[in-house]
Amino acid sequence: MLSRYDGKTIRLTTTDGEVFTGRAEAFPSGYALDTFGVEEESVCINDTFVFLSQIARIEPPEGFAVTDADREQYDRLTGELLERPFRIVSHLPHPVPKDAGGQAFMVGRYFRLPPQLAVLRRKQARILLRMNCFADMAVTADGESWEKNPDPERFVKALDDLSGARFLRVLFPSERVMIELNANDARMSVVCEDAATLETIRQLAGAEGLFLWKEQKD
């Protein structure tokens, strides 16, 4: 896990709040067992060893600040993707036919009630955070102010707190993926045109017991 940072300049924050900035040298589990008595991965920055369990956050030296160029990219990409067909991540495996029996409306209402919706939000959050392992993620709740690679715990809380007429828009710019969640909808809408990335989303959704399908037009 920490080997990906070997030779890179990073800013590392420990669980105690200490901050180290510099070129990282990564070491495998057990490297410093004789010296420190700890058998886990570590990085050395400025002659200081920090072990995996001591790390709260690793980021670039400048952090994940959103620049004007980033905002322009996000806005431009959003405008492009809003014109593209979208897919749905849902608790149902496909759309409900108009002539279907059962009680789709009442069951859908049940899943939008707070206890059930909270469970779905956690599933959706895990999908998005796992995608964030592979690519930078940009998030906005108003379409104007953006946050890049938000803290995972804070991001989950933002999804938990989604209510009223609010929405959350998530971009993975390098993958040209846009995912939107609305407070009054238990589903996620997905715009993605790359087959390999779609398959990754499908696998992540399936791991959470959810399904990815294409919205049908009337």
N, C-alpha and C. Protein backbone atom coordinates (compact mmCIF):
# COMPACT_ATOMS: atom_id res chain seq x y z
N MET A 1 0.83 -1.21 0.00
CA MET A 1 0.00 0.00 0.00
C MET A 1 0.86 1.26 0.00
N LEU A 2 1.85 1.31 0.90
CA LEU A 2 2.69 2.50 0.99
C LEU A 2 3.77 2.52 -0.08
N SER A 3 3.98 1.41 -0.75
CA SER A 3 5.02 1.35 -1.78
C SER A 3 4.73 2.32 -2.93
N ARG A 4 3.46 2.68 -3.15
CA ARG A 4 3.12 3.58 -4.23
C ARG A 4 3.68 4.99 -4.01
N TYR A 5 4.06 5.30 -2.76
CA TYR A 5 4.60 6.62 -2.44
C TYR A 5 6.12 6.66 -2.45
N ASP A 6 6.76 5.53 -2.72
CA ASP A 6 8.21 5.47 -2.68
C ASP A 6 8.82 6.43 -3.70
N GLY A 7 9.70 7.30 -3.22
CA GLY A 7 10.37 8.25 -4.10
C GLY A 7 9.56 9.49 -4.42
N LYS A 8 8.35 9.59 -3.88
CA LYS A 8 7.50 10.74 -4.17
C LYS A 8 7.56 11.75 -3.01
N THR A 9 7.36 13.01 -3.35
CA THR A 9 7.28 14.05 -2.33
C THR A 9 5.83 14.17 -1.87
N ILE A 10 5.63 13.99 -0.57
CA ILE A 10 4.28 13.96 -0.02
C ILE A 10 4.19 14.80 1.25
N ARG A 11 2.97 15.05 1.64
CA ARG A 11 2.70 15.62 2.95
C ARG A 11 1.93 14.58 3.75
N LEU A 12 2.49 14.16 4.85
CA LEU A 12 1.92 13.08 5.66
C LEU A 12 1.47 13.63 7.00
N THR A 13 0.24 13.35 7.37
CA THR A 13 -0.30 13.75 8.67
C THR A 13 -0.52 12.50 9.51
N THR A 14 0.00 12.50 10.73
CA THR A 14 -0.16 11.34 11.61
C THR A 14 -1.45 11.43 12.40
N THR A 15 -1.79 10.35 13.04
CA THR A 15 -3.00 10.32 13.88
C THR A 15 -2.86 11.25 15.08
N ASP A 16 -1.63 11.64 15.42
CA ASP A 16 -1.40 12.58 16.52
C ASP A 16 -1.38 14.03 16.05
N GLY A 17 -1.56 14.24 14.73
CA GLY A 17 -1.60 15.60 14.20
C GLY A 17 -0.28 16.14 13.72
N GLU A 18 0.80 15.36 13.83
CA GLU A 18 2.09 15.82 13.31
C GLU A 18 2.08 15.78 11.78
N VAL A 19 2.79 16.72 11.17
CA VAL A 19 2.83 16.82 9.71
C VAL A 19 4.28 16.73 9.25
N PHE A 20 4.51 15.85 8.28
CA PHE A 20 5.83 15.69 7.69
C PHE A 20 5.72 15.92 6.19
N THR A 21 6.60 16.72 5.64
CA THR A 21 6.62 16.96 4.21
C THR A 21 8.02 16.67 3.68
N GLY A 22 8.07 15.89 2.62
CA GLY A 22 9.36 15.57 2.04
C GLY A 22 9.28 14.35 1.15
N ARG A 23 10.43 13.92 0.69
CA ARG A 23 10.51 12.74 -0.18
C ARG A 23 10.38 11.49 0.68
N ALA A 24 9.47 10.62 0.29
CA ALA A 24 9.18 9.41 1.08
C ALA A 24 9.98 8.22 0.57
N GLU A 25 10.47 7.44 1.50
CA GLU A 25 11.08 6.15 1.17
C GLU A 25 10.23 5.09 1.85
N ALA A 26 9.68 4.19 1.06
CA ALA A 26 8.76 3.18 1.59
C ALA A 26 9.50 1.91 1.96
N PHE A 27 9.05 1.28 3.05
CA PHE A 27 9.66 0.05 3.53
C PHE A 27 8.57 -1.00 3.76
N PRO A 28 8.86 -2.25 3.43
CA PRO A 28 7.86 -3.31 3.59
C PRO A 28 7.65 -3.70 5.05
N SER A 29 6.60 -4.44 5.28
CA SER A 29 6.32 -4.93 6.63
C SER A 29 7.49 -5.76 7.14
N GLY A 30 7.87 -5.49 8.37
CA GLY A 30 8.94 -6.27 8.99
C GLY A 30 10.33 -5.70 8.80
N TYR A 31 10.48 -4.66 7.97
CA TYR A 31 11.81 -4.11 7.71
C TYR A 31 12.49 -3.63 8.99
N ALA A 32 11.73 -2.93 9.83
CA ALA A 32 12.33 -2.36 11.04
C ALA A 32 11.88 -3.11 12.30
N LEU A 33 11.56 -4.40 12.14
CA LEU A 33 11.06 -5.16 13.29
C LEU A 33 12.09 -5.22 14.41
N ASP A 34 13.35 -5.43 14.07
CA ASP A 34 14.40 -5.54 15.09
C ASP A 34 14.61 -4.21 15.82
N THR A 35 14.47 -3.10 15.08
CA THR A 35 14.74 -1.78 15.68
C THR A 35 13.56 -1.23 16.45
N PHE A 36 12.35 -1.33 15.84
CA PHE A 36 11.17 -0.70 16.43
C PHE A 36 10.18 -1.70 17.04
N GLY A 37 10.35 -2.97 16.75
CA GLY A 37 9.42 -3.97 17.27
C GLY A 37 8.05 -3.88 16.66
N VAL A 38 7.97 -3.32 15.45
CA VAL A 38 6.69 -3.16 14.77
C VAL A 38 6.78 -3.85 13.41
N GLU A 39 5.83 -4.73 13.13
CA GLU A 39 5.83 -5.45 11.86
C GLU A 39 4.70 -4.93 10.98
N GLU A 40 4.92 -3.80 10.35
CA GLU A 40 3.98 -3.24 9.40
C GLU A 40 4.70 -2.29 8.47
N GLU A 41 4.06 -1.97 7.36
CA GLU A 41 4.67 -1.07 6.39
C GLU A 41 4.97 0.29 7.03
N SER A 42 5.95 0.96 6.45
CA SER A 42 6.32 2.27 6.97
C SER A 42 6.89 3.13 5.84
N VAL A 43 6.95 4.42 6.09
CA VAL A 43 7.67 5.34 5.21
C VAL A 43 8.62 6.15 6.06
N CYS A 44 9.73 6.53 5.44
CA CYS A 44 10.70 7.38 6.13
C CYS A 44 10.73 8.72 5.43
N ILE A 45 10.49 9.79 6.20
CA ILE A 45 10.53 11.16 5.68
C ILE A 45 11.44 11.97 6.59
N ASN A 46 12.47 12.56 6.00
CA ASN A 46 13.42 13.37 6.77
C ASN A 46 13.96 12.61 7.97
N ASP A 47 14.34 11.35 7.72
CA ASP A 47 14.95 10.47 8.74
C ASP A 47 13.98 10.03 9.83
N THR A 48 12.69 10.25 9.64
CA THR A 48 11.70 9.83 10.62
C THR A 48 10.85 8.71 10.02
N PHE A 49 10.76 7.58 10.73
CA PHE A 49 9.93 6.47 10.29
C PHE A 49 8.50 6.66 10.81
N VAL A 50 7.54 6.49 9.93
CA VAL A 50 6.12 6.55 10.31
C VAL A 50 5.46 5.27 9.81
N PHE A 51 4.80 4.55 10.72
CA PHE A 51 4.19 3.27 10.38
C PHE A 51 2.75 3.45 9.92
N LEU A 52 2.28 2.45 9.19
CA LEU A 52 0.96 2.52 8.56
C LEU A 52 -0.13 2.90 9.56
N SER A 53 -0.12 2.29 10.73
CA SER A 53 -1.18 2.55 11.71
C SER A 53 -1.10 3.96 12.31
N GLN A 54 0.02 4.66 12.08
CA GLN A 54 0.18 6.02 12.61
C GLN A 54 -0.23 7.09 11.61
N ILE A 55 -0.57 6.67 10.39
CA ILE A 55 -0.85 7.64 9.33
C ILE A 55 -2.34 7.94 9.25
N ALA A 56 -2.67 9.23 9.31
CA ALA A 56 -4.07 9.65 9.17
C ALA A 56 -4.37 10.06 7.73
N ARG A 57 -3.37 10.66 7.05
CA ARG A 57 -3.62 11.19 5.70
C ARG A 57 -2.30 11.36 4.96
N ILE A 58 -2.32 11.04 3.68
CA ILE A 58 -1.19 11.30 2.80
C ILE A 58 -1.72 12.07 1.59
N GLU A 59 -1.05 13.14 1.23
CA GLU A 59 -1.50 13.97 0.12
C GLU A 59 -0.31 14.67 -0.51
N PRO A 60 -0.50 15.31 -1.65
CA PRO A 60 0.58 16.08 -2.25
C PRO A 60 1.01 17.21 -1.33
N PRO A 61 2.22 17.74 -1.51
CA PRO A 61 2.70 18.82 -0.65
C PRO A 61 1.76 20.02 -0.60
N GLU A 62 1.10 20.31 -1.73
CA GLU A 62 0.18 21.45 -1.77
C GLU A 62 -1.22 21.08 -1.34
N GLY A 63 -1.40 19.84 -0.89
CA GLY A 63 -2.71 19.38 -0.48
C GLY A 63 -3.59 19.11 -1.68
N PHE A 64 -4.90 19.09 -1.46
CA PHE A 64 -5.84 18.84 -2.54
C PHE A 64 -6.63 20.11 -2.85
N ALA A 65 -5.93 21.24 -2.86
CA ALA A 65 -6.58 22.51 -3.14
C ALA A 65 -7.11 22.52 -4.57
N VAL A 66 -8.29 23.11 -4.76
CA VAL A 66 -8.90 23.23 -6.08
C VAL A 66 -8.45 24.55 -6.70
N THR A 67 -7.77 24.48 -7.82
CA THR A 67 -7.28 25.67 -8.50
C THR A 67 -8.35 26.20 -9.48
N ASP A 68 -8.11 27.40 -9.99
CA ASP A 68 -9.01 27.95 -11.01
C ASP A 68 -9.05 27.04 -12.24
N ALA A 69 -7.90 26.48 -12.59
CA ALA A 69 -7.85 25.56 -13.74
C ALA A 69 -8.69 24.32 -13.47
N ASP A 70 -8.64 23.83 -12.21
CA ASP A 70 -9.47 22.68 -11.84
C ASP A 70 -10.95 23.02 -12.01
N ARG A 71 -11.35 24.17 -11.48
CA ARG A 71 -12.76 24.57 -11.56
C ARG A 71 -13.22 24.67 -13.01
N GLU A 72 -12.39 25.25 -13.85
CA GLU A 72 -12.74 25.36 -15.26
C GLU A 72 -12.90 23.97 -15.88
N GLN A 73 -12.00 23.05 -15.52
CA GLN A 73 -12.08 21.70 -16.05
C GLN A 73 -13.37 21.01 -15.57
N TYR A 74 -13.67 21.14 -14.28
CA TYR A 74 -14.86 20.50 -13.72
C TYR A 74 -16.14 21.06 -14.37
N ASP A 75 -16.19 22.38 -14.51
CA ASP A 75 -17.38 23.00 -15.10
C ASP A 75 -17.55 22.60 -16.56
N ARG A 76 -16.45 22.59 -17.28
CA ARG A 76 -16.51 22.21 -18.70
C ARG A 76 -16.93 20.75 -18.86
N LEU A 77 -16.34 19.88 -18.04
CA LEU A 77 -16.66 18.45 -18.12
C LEU A 77 -18.10 18.20 -17.71
N THR A 78 -18.57 18.90 -16.68
CA THR A 78 -19.96 18.76 -16.25
C THR A 78 -20.91 19.13 -17.38
N GLY A 79 -20.63 20.25 -18.04
CA GLY A 79 -21.48 20.68 -19.16
C GLY A 79 -21.53 19.64 -20.26
N GLU A 80 -20.40 19.00 -20.55
CA GLU A 80 -20.35 17.97 -21.59
C GLU A 80 -21.13 16.72 -21.16
N LEU A 81 -20.91 16.28 -19.94
CA LEU A 81 -21.49 15.02 -19.50
C LEU A 81 -23.00 15.12 -19.23
N LEU A 82 -23.47 16.32 -18.90
CA LEU A 82 -24.90 16.49 -18.70
C LEU A 82 -25.70 16.22 -19.97
N GLU A 83 -25.03 16.30 -21.11
CA GLU A 83 -25.69 16.06 -22.40
C GLU A 83 -25.63 14.59 -22.82
N ARG A 84 -24.93 13.76 -22.03
CA ARG A 84 -24.74 12.36 -22.39
C ARG A 84 -25.82 11.48 -21.75
N PRO A 85 -26.09 10.31 -22.34
CA PRO A 85 -27.02 9.35 -21.72
C PRO A 85 -26.49 8.90 -20.36
N PHE A 86 -27.39 8.59 -19.46
CA PHE A 86 -26.96 8.17 -18.13
C PHE A 86 -27.49 6.78 -17.80
N ARG A 87 -26.81 6.17 -16.85
CA ARG A 87 -27.23 4.88 -16.31
C ARG A 87 -27.63 5.07 -14.85
N ILE A 88 -28.17 4.01 -14.29
CA ILE A 88 -28.68 4.06 -12.92
C ILE A 88 -28.02 2.97 -12.08
N VAL A 89 -27.63 3.33 -10.87
CA VAL A 89 -27.26 2.33 -9.85
C VAL A 89 -28.42 2.27 -8.88
N SER A 90 -29.02 1.09 -8.77
CA SER A 90 -30.27 0.95 -8.03
C SER A 90 -30.29 -0.35 -7.23
N HIS A 91 -31.24 -0.43 -6.30
CA HIS A 91 -31.45 -1.68 -5.56
C HIS A 91 -32.26 -2.67 -6.38
N LEU A 92 -32.79 -2.22 -7.55
CA LEU A 92 -33.51 -3.11 -8.46
C LEU A 92 -32.61 -3.48 -9.63
N PRO A 93 -32.74 -4.69 -10.18
CA PRO A 93 -31.84 -5.14 -11.26
C PRO A 93 -32.15 -4.54 -12.62
N HIS A 94 -33.32 -3.92 -12.81
CA HIS A 94 -33.69 -3.29 -14.07
C HIS A 94 -34.92 -2.42 -13.84
N PRO A 95 -35.28 -1.56 -14.79
CA PRO A 95 -36.46 -0.71 -14.59
C PRO A 95 -37.73 -1.54 -14.42
N VAL A 96 -38.67 -0.98 -13.70
CA VAL A 96 -39.96 -1.64 -13.52
C VAL A 96 -40.85 -1.32 -14.72
N PRO A 97 -41.32 -2.33 -15.46
CA PRO A 97 -42.20 -2.06 -16.62
C PRO A 97 -43.47 -1.34 -16.19
N LYS A 98 -44.00 -0.52 -17.09
CA LYS A 98 -45.20 0.25 -16.76
C LYS A 98 -46.40 -0.65 -16.46
N ASP A 99 -46.45 -1.83 -17.10
CA ASP A 99 -47.59 -2.71 -16.90
C ASP A 99 -47.32 -3.79 -15.86
N ALA A 100 -46.27 -3.61 -15.05
CA ALA A 100 -45.94 -4.61 -14.04
C ALA A 100 -46.96 -4.61 -12.91
N GLY A 101 -47.12 -5.78 -12.29
CA GLY A 101 -47.96 -5.87 -11.10
C GLY A 101 -47.17 -5.38 -9.89
N GLY A 102 -47.61 -5.80 -8.72
CA GLY A 102 -46.91 -5.41 -7.51
C GLY A 102 -47.20 -3.97 -7.11
N GLN A 103 -46.36 -3.42 -6.26
CA GLN A 103 -46.58 -2.06 -5.75
C GLN A 103 -45.25 -1.30 -5.74
N ALA A 104 -44.74 -1.06 -6.95
CA ALA A 104 -43.43 -0.41 -7.08
C ALA A 104 -43.38 0.94 -6.38
N PHE A 105 -44.47 1.72 -6.47
CA PHE A 105 -44.46 3.04 -5.86
C PHE A 105 -44.28 2.94 -4.35
N MET A 106 -45.06 2.06 -3.70
CA MET A 106 -45.01 1.95 -2.24
C MET A 106 -43.68 1.36 -1.77
N VAL A 107 -43.15 0.40 -2.51
CA VAL A 107 -41.85 -0.17 -2.14
C VAL A 107 -40.75 0.87 -2.32
N GLY A 108 -40.85 1.65 -3.42
CA GLY A 108 -39.87 2.71 -3.63
C GLY A 108 -39.93 3.74 -2.52
N ARG A 109 -41.15 4.08 -2.09
CA ARG A 109 -41.31 5.02 -0.98
C ARG A 109 -40.67 4.47 0.30
N TYR A 110 -40.83 3.17 0.52
CA TYR A 110 -40.24 2.52 1.70
C TYR A 110 -38.72 2.69 1.70
N PHE A 111 -38.10 2.48 0.54
CA PHE A 111 -36.64 2.58 0.46
C PHE A 111 -36.16 4.02 0.58
N ARG A 112 -37.06 5.00 0.42
CA ARG A 112 -36.66 6.40 0.59
C ARG A 112 -36.88 6.89 2.02
N LEU A 113 -37.45 6.05 2.88
CA LEU A 113 -37.60 6.43 4.28
C LEU A 113 -36.22 6.45 4.95
N PRO A 114 -36.02 7.31 5.95
CA PRO A 114 -34.68 7.51 6.52
C PRO A 114 -33.91 6.24 6.90
N PRO A 115 -34.51 5.26 7.59
CA PRO A 115 -33.70 4.10 7.98
C PRO A 115 -33.16 3.32 6.79
N GLN A 116 -34.02 3.11 5.78
CA GLN A 116 -33.59 2.35 4.60
C GLN A 116 -32.66 3.18 3.72
N LEU A 117 -32.96 4.47 3.60
CA LEU A 117 -32.14 5.33 2.76
C LEU A 117 -30.73 5.46 3.33
N ALA A 118 -30.63 5.47 4.66
CA ALA A 118 -29.31 5.55 5.28
C ALA A 118 -28.45 4.36 4.91
N VAL A 119 -29.05 3.18 4.83
CA VAL A 119 -28.32 1.97 4.44
C VAL A 119 -27.85 2.09 3.00
N LEU A 120 -28.73 2.57 2.11
CA LEU A 120 -28.36 2.74 0.71
C LEU A 120 -27.26 3.78 0.55
N ARG A 121 -27.34 4.86 1.31
CA ARG A 121 -26.32 5.91 1.22
C ARG A 121 -24.93 5.35 1.58
N ARG A 122 -24.87 4.51 2.59
CA ARG A 122 -23.58 3.93 2.96
C ARG A 122 -23.04 3.03 1.84
N LYS A 123 -23.92 2.30 1.19
CA LYS A 123 -23.51 1.47 0.05
C LYS A 123 -22.97 2.35 -1.08
N GLN A 124 -23.68 3.42 -1.37
CA GLN A 124 -23.26 4.34 -2.42
C GLN A 124 -21.92 5.00 -2.07
N ALA A 125 -21.77 5.38 -0.81
CA ALA A 125 -20.52 6.00 -0.38
C ALA A 125 -19.35 5.04 -0.56
N ARG A 126 -19.55 3.77 -0.24
CA ARG A 126 -18.46 2.80 -0.39
C ARG A 126 -18.08 2.62 -1.86
N ILE A 127 -19.07 2.64 -2.75
CA ILE A 127 -18.78 2.55 -4.18
C ILE A 127 -17.90 3.72 -4.61
N LEU A 128 -18.29 4.92 -4.23
CA LEU A 128 -17.57 6.12 -4.66
C LEU A 128 -16.17 6.19 -4.04
N LEU A 129 -16.05 5.82 -2.78
CA LEU A 129 -14.74 5.86 -2.13
C LEU A 129 -13.80 4.81 -2.73
N ARG A 130 -14.34 3.68 -3.10
CA ARG A 130 -13.49 2.67 -3.75
C ARG A 130 -13.03 3.15 -5.12
N MET A 131 -13.90 3.87 -5.82
CA MET A 131 -13.48 4.47 -7.10
C MET A 131 -12.38 5.50 -6.85
N ASN A 132 -12.45 6.20 -5.73
CA ASN A 132 -11.46 7.21 -5.38
C ASN A 132 -10.09 6.60 -5.10
N CYS A 133 -10.04 5.28 -4.94
CA CYS A 133 -8.75 4.60 -4.80
C CYS A 133 -7.98 4.60 -6.11
N PHE A 134 -8.70 4.72 -7.23
CA PHE A 134 -8.09 4.61 -8.55
C PHE A 134 -7.93 5.96 -9.26
N ALA A 135 -8.69 6.97 -8.83
CA ALA A 135 -8.66 8.25 -9.54
C ALA A 135 -9.08 9.37 -8.60
N ASP A 136 -8.62 10.60 -8.90
CA ASP A 136 -9.03 11.76 -8.13
C ASP A 136 -10.55 11.95 -8.25
N MET A 137 -11.13 12.42 -7.17
CA MET A 137 -12.58 12.65 -7.11
C MET A 137 -12.84 14.10 -6.74
N ALA A 138 -13.73 14.75 -7.47
CA ALA A 138 -14.13 16.13 -7.17
C ALA A 138 -15.61 16.15 -6.84
N VAL A 139 -15.98 16.88 -5.80
CA VAL A 139 -17.35 16.84 -5.28
C VAL A 139 -17.90 18.25 -5.13
N THR A 140 -19.17 18.43 -5.51
CA THR A 140 -19.86 19.70 -5.28
C THR A 140 -21.28 19.44 -4.83
N ALA A 141 -21.76 20.31 -3.94
CA ALA A 141 -23.14 20.21 -3.48
C ALA A 141 -23.99 21.38 -3.98
N ASP A 142 -23.36 22.27 -4.75
CA ASP A 142 -24.10 23.42 -5.27
C ASP A 142 -23.80 23.72 -6.73
N GLY A 143 -22.93 22.92 -7.34
CA GLY A 143 -22.58 23.14 -8.74
C GLY A 143 -21.57 24.24 -8.96
N GLU A 144 -21.09 24.88 -7.89
CA GLU A 144 -20.15 25.98 -8.02
C GLU A 144 -18.86 25.75 -7.23
N SER A 145 -19.00 25.45 -5.94
CA SER A 145 -17.82 25.21 -5.11
C SER A 145 -17.48 23.72 -5.14
N TRP A 146 -16.20 23.43 -5.35
CA TRP A 146 -15.74 22.06 -5.50
C TRP A 146 -14.74 21.70 -4.40
N GLU A 147 -14.71 20.42 -4.05
CA GLU A 147 -13.69 19.90 -3.15
C GLU A 147 -13.06 18.69 -3.82
N LYS A 148 -11.74 18.64 -3.76
CA LYS A 148 -10.99 17.55 -4.39
C LYS A 148 -10.55 16.54 -3.35
N ASN A 149 -10.85 15.27 -3.62
CA ASN A 149 -10.47 14.17 -2.72
C ASN A 149 -10.82 14.48 -1.26
N PRO A 150 -12.11 14.64 -0.95
CA PRO A 150 -12.50 14.97 0.42
C PRO A 150 -12.15 13.85 1.39
N ASP A 151 -12.01 14.23 2.65
CA ASP A 151 -11.78 13.24 3.69
C ASP A 151 -12.89 12.20 3.65
N PRO A 152 -12.56 10.90 3.63
CA PRO A 152 -13.60 9.87 3.50
C PRO A 152 -14.71 9.95 4.54
N GLU A 153 -14.36 10.17 5.80
CA GLU A 153 -15.38 10.21 6.85
C GLU A 153 -16.31 11.41 6.64
N ARG A 154 -15.73 12.53 6.25
CA ARG A 154 -16.55 13.73 6.02
C ARG A 154 -17.43 13.55 4.78
N PHE A 155 -16.90 12.85 3.78
CA PHE A 155 -17.68 12.59 2.57
C PHE A 155 -18.89 11.71 2.89
N VAL A 156 -18.69 10.68 3.69
CA VAL A 156 -19.80 9.80 4.08
C VAL A 156 -20.86 10.59 4.84
N LYS A 157 -20.41 11.48 5.72
CA LYS A 157 -21.37 12.30 6.47
C LYS A 157 -22.16 13.21 5.54
N ALA A 158 -21.50 13.76 4.50
CA ALA A 158 -22.20 14.62 3.55
C ALA A 158 -23.31 13.85 2.84
N LEU A 159 -23.07 12.58 2.54
CA LEU A 159 -24.11 11.75 1.93
C LEU A 159 -25.21 11.45 2.93
N ASP A 160 -24.83 11.17 4.17
CA ASP A 160 -25.82 10.91 5.21
C ASP A 160 -26.75 12.11 5.41
N ASP A 161 -26.18 13.31 5.28
CA ASP A 161 -26.93 14.54 5.55
C ASP A 161 -27.69 15.07 4.34
N LEU A 162 -27.61 14.36 3.22
CA LEU A 162 -28.30 14.81 2.01
C LEU A 162 -29.80 14.83 2.25
N SER A 163 -30.42 16.00 2.11
CA SER A 163 -31.85 16.11 2.40
C SER A 163 -32.46 17.28 1.63
N GLY A 164 -33.76 17.38 1.71
CA GLY A 164 -34.46 18.47 1.06
C GLY A 164 -34.31 18.44 -0.44
N ALA A 165 -33.99 19.59 -1.03
CA ALA A 165 -33.82 19.68 -2.48
C ALA A 165 -32.35 19.60 -2.87
N ARG A 166 -31.50 19.17 -1.97
CA ARG A 166 -30.07 19.17 -2.20
C ARG A 166 -29.65 18.01 -3.09
N PHE A 167 -28.44 18.14 -3.64
CA PHE A 167 -27.87 17.08 -4.46
C PHE A 167 -26.37 17.04 -4.20
N LEU A 168 -25.75 15.97 -4.65
CA LEU A 168 -24.31 15.83 -4.58
C LEU A 168 -23.84 15.35 -5.94
N ARG A 169 -22.93 16.11 -6.54
CA ARG A 169 -22.37 15.75 -7.85
C ARG A 169 -20.92 15.35 -7.66
N VAL A 170 -20.56 14.20 -8.20
CA VAL A 170 -19.22 13.65 -8.05
C VAL A 170 -18.61 13.45 -9.43
N LEU A 171 -17.42 14.00 -9.63
CA LEU A 171 -16.70 13.82 -10.89
C LEU A 171 -15.43 13.02 -10.66
N PHE A 172 -15.12 12.16 -11.61
CA PHE A 172 -13.81 11.52 -11.71
C PHE A 172 -13.24 12.01 -13.05
N PRO A 173 -12.59 13.18 -13.05
CA PRO A 173 -12.23 13.84 -14.31
C PRO A 173 -11.38 13.00 -15.25
N SER A 174 -10.38 12.30 -14.69
CA SER A 174 -9.50 11.53 -15.56
C SER A 174 -10.23 10.39 -16.26
N GLU A 175 -11.35 9.93 -15.67
CA GLU A 175 -12.14 8.85 -16.24
C GLU A 175 -13.34 9.38 -17.02
N ARG A 176 -13.55 10.69 -16.97
CA ARG A 176 -14.73 11.32 -17.60
C ARG A 176 -16.03 10.66 -17.09
N VAL A 177 -16.13 10.59 -15.78
CA VAL A 177 -17.29 9.99 -15.11
C VAL A 177 -17.96 11.04 -14.24
N MET A 178 -19.27 11.12 -14.31
CA MET A 178 -20.06 11.98 -13.43
C MET A 178 -21.15 11.16 -12.78
N ILE A 179 -21.25 11.28 -11.46
CA ILE A 179 -22.26 10.55 -10.70
C ILE A 179 -23.02 11.56 -9.85
N GLU A 180 -24.36 11.48 -9.89
CA GLU A 180 -25.17 12.41 -9.12
C GLU A 180 -26.10 11.66 -8.17
N LEU A 181 -26.29 12.25 -7.00
CA LEU A 181 -27.22 11.73 -6.00
C LEU A 181 -28.13 12.87 -5.59
N ASN A 182 -29.42 12.60 -5.54
CA ASN A 182 -30.41 13.60 -5.13
C ASN A 182 -31.05 13.17 -3.82
N ALA A 183 -31.37 14.15 -3.00
CA ALA A 183 -31.88 13.85 -1.67
C ALA A 183 -33.17 13.03 -1.70
N ASN A 184 -34.01 13.24 -2.71
CA ASN A 184 -35.31 12.56 -2.77
C ASN A 184 -35.28 11.32 -3.65
N ASP A 185 -34.08 10.81 -3.94
CA ASP A 185 -33.95 9.66 -4.83
C ASP A 185 -32.99 8.66 -4.20
N ALA A 186 -33.38 7.40 -4.15
CA ALA A 186 -32.53 6.36 -3.57
C ALA A 186 -31.51 5.84 -4.56
N ARG A 187 -31.57 6.30 -5.80
CA ARG A 187 -30.68 5.80 -6.84
C ARG A 187 -29.52 6.76 -7.09
N MET A 188 -28.52 6.30 -7.80
CA MET A 188 -27.45 7.15 -8.30
C MET A 188 -27.53 7.18 -9.82
N SER A 189 -27.36 8.34 -10.42
CA SER A 189 -27.26 8.42 -11.87
C SER A 189 -25.79 8.49 -12.25
N VAL A 190 -25.43 7.76 -13.30
CA VAL A 190 -24.03 7.60 -13.70
C VAL A 190 -23.88 7.95 -15.18
N VAL A 191 -22.95 8.83 -15.48
CA VAL A 191 -22.58 9.10 -16.87
C VAL A 191 -21.16 8.60 -17.05
N CYS A 192 -21.01 7.61 -17.90
CA CYS A 192 -19.69 7.02 -18.15
C CYS A 192 -19.74 6.34 -19.51
N GLU A 193 -18.78 6.68 -20.36
CA GLU A 193 -18.79 6.14 -21.71
C GLU A 193 -17.68 5.12 -21.96
N ASP A 194 -16.83 4.91 -20.97
CA ASP A 194 -15.73 3.96 -21.12
C ASP A 194 -16.17 2.59 -20.60
N ALA A 195 -16.05 1.56 -21.45
CA ALA A 195 -16.55 0.22 -21.11
C ALA A 195 -15.83 -0.36 -19.89
N ALA A 196 -14.52 -0.18 -19.80
CA ALA A 196 -13.77 -0.75 -18.69
C ALA A 196 -14.17 -0.09 -17.37
N THR A 197 -14.33 1.23 -17.39
CA THR A 197 -14.74 1.94 -16.16
C THR A 197 -16.15 1.55 -15.77
N LEU A 198 -17.04 1.40 -16.76
CA LEU A 198 -18.41 0.96 -16.48
C LEU A 198 -18.40 -0.41 -15.81
N GLU A 199 -17.53 -1.28 -16.28
CA GLU A 199 -17.45 -2.62 -15.68
C GLU A 199 -16.97 -2.54 -14.24
N THR A 200 -16.03 -1.63 -13.97
CA THR A 200 -15.58 -1.44 -12.59
C THR A 200 -16.73 -0.96 -11.72
N ILE A 201 -17.51 0.00 -12.21
CA ILE A 201 -18.66 0.49 -11.45
C ILE A 201 -19.66 -0.64 -11.23
N ARG A 202 -19.87 -1.45 -12.26
CA ARG A 202 -20.80 -2.58 -12.13
C ARG A 202 -20.34 -3.55 -11.04
N GLN A 203 -19.05 -3.84 -11.02
CA GLN A 203 -18.52 -4.75 -10.02
C GLN A 203 -18.64 -4.17 -8.61
N LEU A 204 -18.32 -2.88 -8.47
CA LEU A 204 -18.42 -2.24 -7.16
C LEU A 204 -19.87 -2.20 -6.68
N ALA A 205 -20.80 -1.91 -7.60
CA ALA A 205 -22.22 -1.91 -7.24
C ALA A 205 -22.66 -3.31 -6.83
N GLY A 206 -22.23 -4.32 -7.58
CA GLY A 206 -22.61 -5.69 -7.27
C GLY A 206 -22.10 -6.13 -5.91
N ALA A 207 -20.93 -5.66 -5.53
CA ALA A 207 -20.38 -6.00 -4.22
C ALA A 207 -21.24 -5.46 -3.09
N GLU A 208 -22.02 -4.41 -3.38
CA GLU A 208 -22.90 -3.81 -2.38
C GLU A 208 -24.35 -4.29 -2.55
N GLY A 209 -24.56 -5.27 -3.42
CA GLY A 209 -25.92 -5.76 -3.65
C GLY A 209 -26.77 -4.83 -4.48
N LEU A 210 -26.11 -3.97 -5.27
CA LEU A 210 -26.82 -3.02 -6.12
C LEU A 210 -26.56 -3.37 -7.59
N PHE A 211 -27.30 -2.71 -8.48
CA PHE A 211 -27.27 -3.06 -9.90
C PHE A 211 -27.08 -1.81 -10.75
N LEU A 212 -26.37 -1.98 -11.88
CA LEU A 212 -26.15 -0.90 -12.83
C LEU A 212 -26.91 -1.22 -14.11
N TRP A 213 -27.75 -0.29 -14.55
CA TRP A 213 -28.49 -0.51 -15.79
C TRP A 213 -28.76 0.82 -16.49
N LYS A 214 -29.15 0.70 -17.74
CA LYS A 214 -29.37 1.87 -18.57
C LYS A 214 -30.80 2.33 -18.46
N GLU A 215 -30.99 3.62 -18.23
CA GLU A 215 -32.33 4.18 -18.13
C GLU A 215 -33.02 4.07 -19.49
N GLN A 216 -34.29 3.64 -19.47
CA GLN A 216 -35.03 3.49 -20.72
C GLN A 216 -35.88 4.73 -20.96
N LYS A 217 -35.86 5.21 -22.22
CA LYS A 217 -36.68 6.35 -22.58
C LYS A 217 -38.04 5.86 -23.05
N ASP A 218 -39.06 6.68 -22.79
CA ASP A 218 -40.41 6.33 -23.24
C ASP A 218 -40.49 6.35 -24.76
